[in-house]
Amino acid sequence: MNKGEFIDRLSDKTGLTKKEARGLLDSVLGLIQDTLLRGEDVKLVGFGKFAVRARKASSRINPQTKRPIQVAAKVVPVFKPGKELKRQVDKTLKVTGSGVARK
């Protein structure tokens, strides 16, 4: 699902207009982003936790040239799903030879 489809479903589910749903989604995503940029976590009980993590500098191999390259240290956003979300996904979906499907 892309952002436009998400907005359509949010609009249908809440009764908001698509413009209002877009504004609501943009506000929520902006709030999560602003919180992460301050180095704080966003914990949504039952859903998951958005956080930032530091990654150390490392040495890797360029697959095209086979030469070593240095990757600088960086800070990246991460998402850790909550226990309830993991339980629901596992209960609803199954692993298939080509990926994931509904049970």
Protein backbone atom coordinates (compact mmCIF):
# COMPACT_ATOMS: atom_id res chain seq x y z
CA MET A 1 0.00 0.00 0.00
CA ASN A 2 1.36 3.42 -0.89
CA LYS A 3 0.63 6.73 0.83
CA GLY A 4 -2.27 7.60 -1.48
CA GLU A 5 -3.97 4.25 -0.89
CA PHE A 6 -3.38 4.62 2.85
CA ILE A 7 -5.06 8.04 2.79
CA ASP A 8 -8.03 6.59 0.87
CA ARG A 9 -8.49 3.82 3.44
CA LEU A 10 -8.02 6.22 6.36
CA SER A 11 -10.66 8.49 4.84
CA ASP A 12 -13.09 5.58 4.40
CA LYS A 13 -12.48 4.24 7.92
CA THR A 14 -12.78 7.58 9.75
CA GLY A 15 -15.31 9.45 7.64
CA LEU A 16 -12.79 12.25 7.13
CA THR A 17 -12.41 13.84 3.71
CA LYS A 18 -9.31 12.79 1.79
CA LYS A 19 -7.84 16.25 2.40
CA GLU A 20 -8.43 15.92 6.16
CA ALA A 21 -7.05 12.36 6.16
CA ARG A 22 -3.91 13.53 4.32
CA GLY A 23 -3.46 16.34 6.86
CA LEU A 24 -3.89 13.90 9.75
CA LEU A 25 -1.40 11.41 8.32
CA ASP A 26 1.12 14.15 7.52
CA SER A 27 0.77 15.48 11.09
CA VAL A 28 1.31 12.05 12.66
CA LEU A 29 4.31 11.26 10.44
CA GLY A 30 5.74 14.73 11.06
CA LEU A 31 5.38 14.28 14.81
CA ILE A 32 7.15 10.90 14.67
CA GLN A 33 9.92 12.41 12.54
CA ASP A 34 10.36 15.45 14.81
CA THR A 35 10.54 13.19 17.88
CA LEU A 36 13.17 10.94 16.27
CA LEU A 37 15.20 13.98 15.18
CA ARG A 38 15.36 15.00 18.86
CA GLY A 39 16.81 11.55 19.60
CA GLU A 40 13.69 10.41 21.45
CA ASP A 41 11.71 7.17 20.96
CA VAL A 42 8.05 6.91 19.95
CA LYS A 43 6.38 3.99 21.75
CA LEU A 44 2.91 2.92 20.64
CA VAL A 45 1.89 0.12 23.01
CA GLY A 46 0.72 -2.95 21.11
CA PHE A 47 1.99 -1.59 17.79
CA GLY A 48 5.70 -0.94 18.17
CA LYS A 49 8.53 1.45 18.84
CA PHE A 50 10.24 3.92 16.52
CA ALA A 51 13.78 4.81 17.60
CA VAL A 52 17.18 5.91 16.31
CA ARG A 53 20.29 3.75 16.53
CA ALA A 54 23.95 4.45 15.92
CA ARG A 55 25.80 2.23 13.47
CA LYS A 56 29.58 1.93 13.76
CA ALA A 57 31.91 2.63 10.87
CA SER A 58 32.78 -0.57 9.04
CA SER A 59 34.73 -2.01 6.16
CA ARG A 60 32.78 -3.69 3.35
CA ILE A 61 33.53 -5.20 -0.04
CA ASN A 62 32.24 -3.49 -3.18
CA PRO A 63 30.51 -6.37 -5.05
CA GLN A 64 31.35 -4.91 -8.48
CA THR A 65 35.03 -4.15 -7.98
CA LYS A 66 35.71 -6.62 -5.13
CA ARG A 67 37.67 -3.83 -3.41
CA PRO A 68 37.24 -2.92 0.25
CA ILE A 69 35.42 0.32 1.03
CA GLN A 70 34.95 2.18 4.29
CA VAL A 71 31.39 2.91 5.40
CA ALA A 72 31.15 5.87 7.78
CA ALA A 73 29.38 5.70 11.13
CA LYS A 74 25.79 6.91 10.96
CA VAL A 75 22.55 7.19 12.86
CA VAL A 76 19.53 5.40 11.37
CA PRO A 77 15.82 5.20 12.23
CA VAL A 78 14.55 1.77 13.27
CA PHE A 79 11.15 0.21 14.01
CA LYS A 80 10.63 -2.64 16.45
CA PRO A 81 7.17 -4.21 16.21
CA GLY A 82 5.24 -4.73 19.44
CA LYS A 83 4.26 -8.11 20.81
CA GLU A 84 0.59 -7.73 19.80
CA LEU A 85 1.42 -6.68 16.22
CA LYS A 86 3.81 -9.63 15.84
CA ARG A 87 1.16 -12.00 17.23
CA GLN A 88 -1.53 -10.71 14.86
CA VAL A 89 0.75 -10.90 11.80
CA ASP A 90 1.81 -14.45 12.65
CA LYS A 91 -1.82 -15.45 13.28
CA THR A 92 -3.08 -13.92 10.02
CA LEU A 93 -0.30 -14.60 7.51
CA LYS A 94 1.66 -17.68 6.48
CA VAL A 95 4.96 -18.25 4.73
CA THR A 96 4.73 -19.55 1.17
CA GLY A 97 7.39 -20.59 -1.33
CA SER A 98 7.17 -17.18 -2.98
CA GLY A 99 6.73 -14.99 0.10
CA VAL A 100 3.76 -14.31 2.35
CA ALA A 101 0.02 -14.99 1.97
CA ARG A 102 -3.11 -14.92 4.11
CA LYS A 103 -3.88 -18.09 6.10
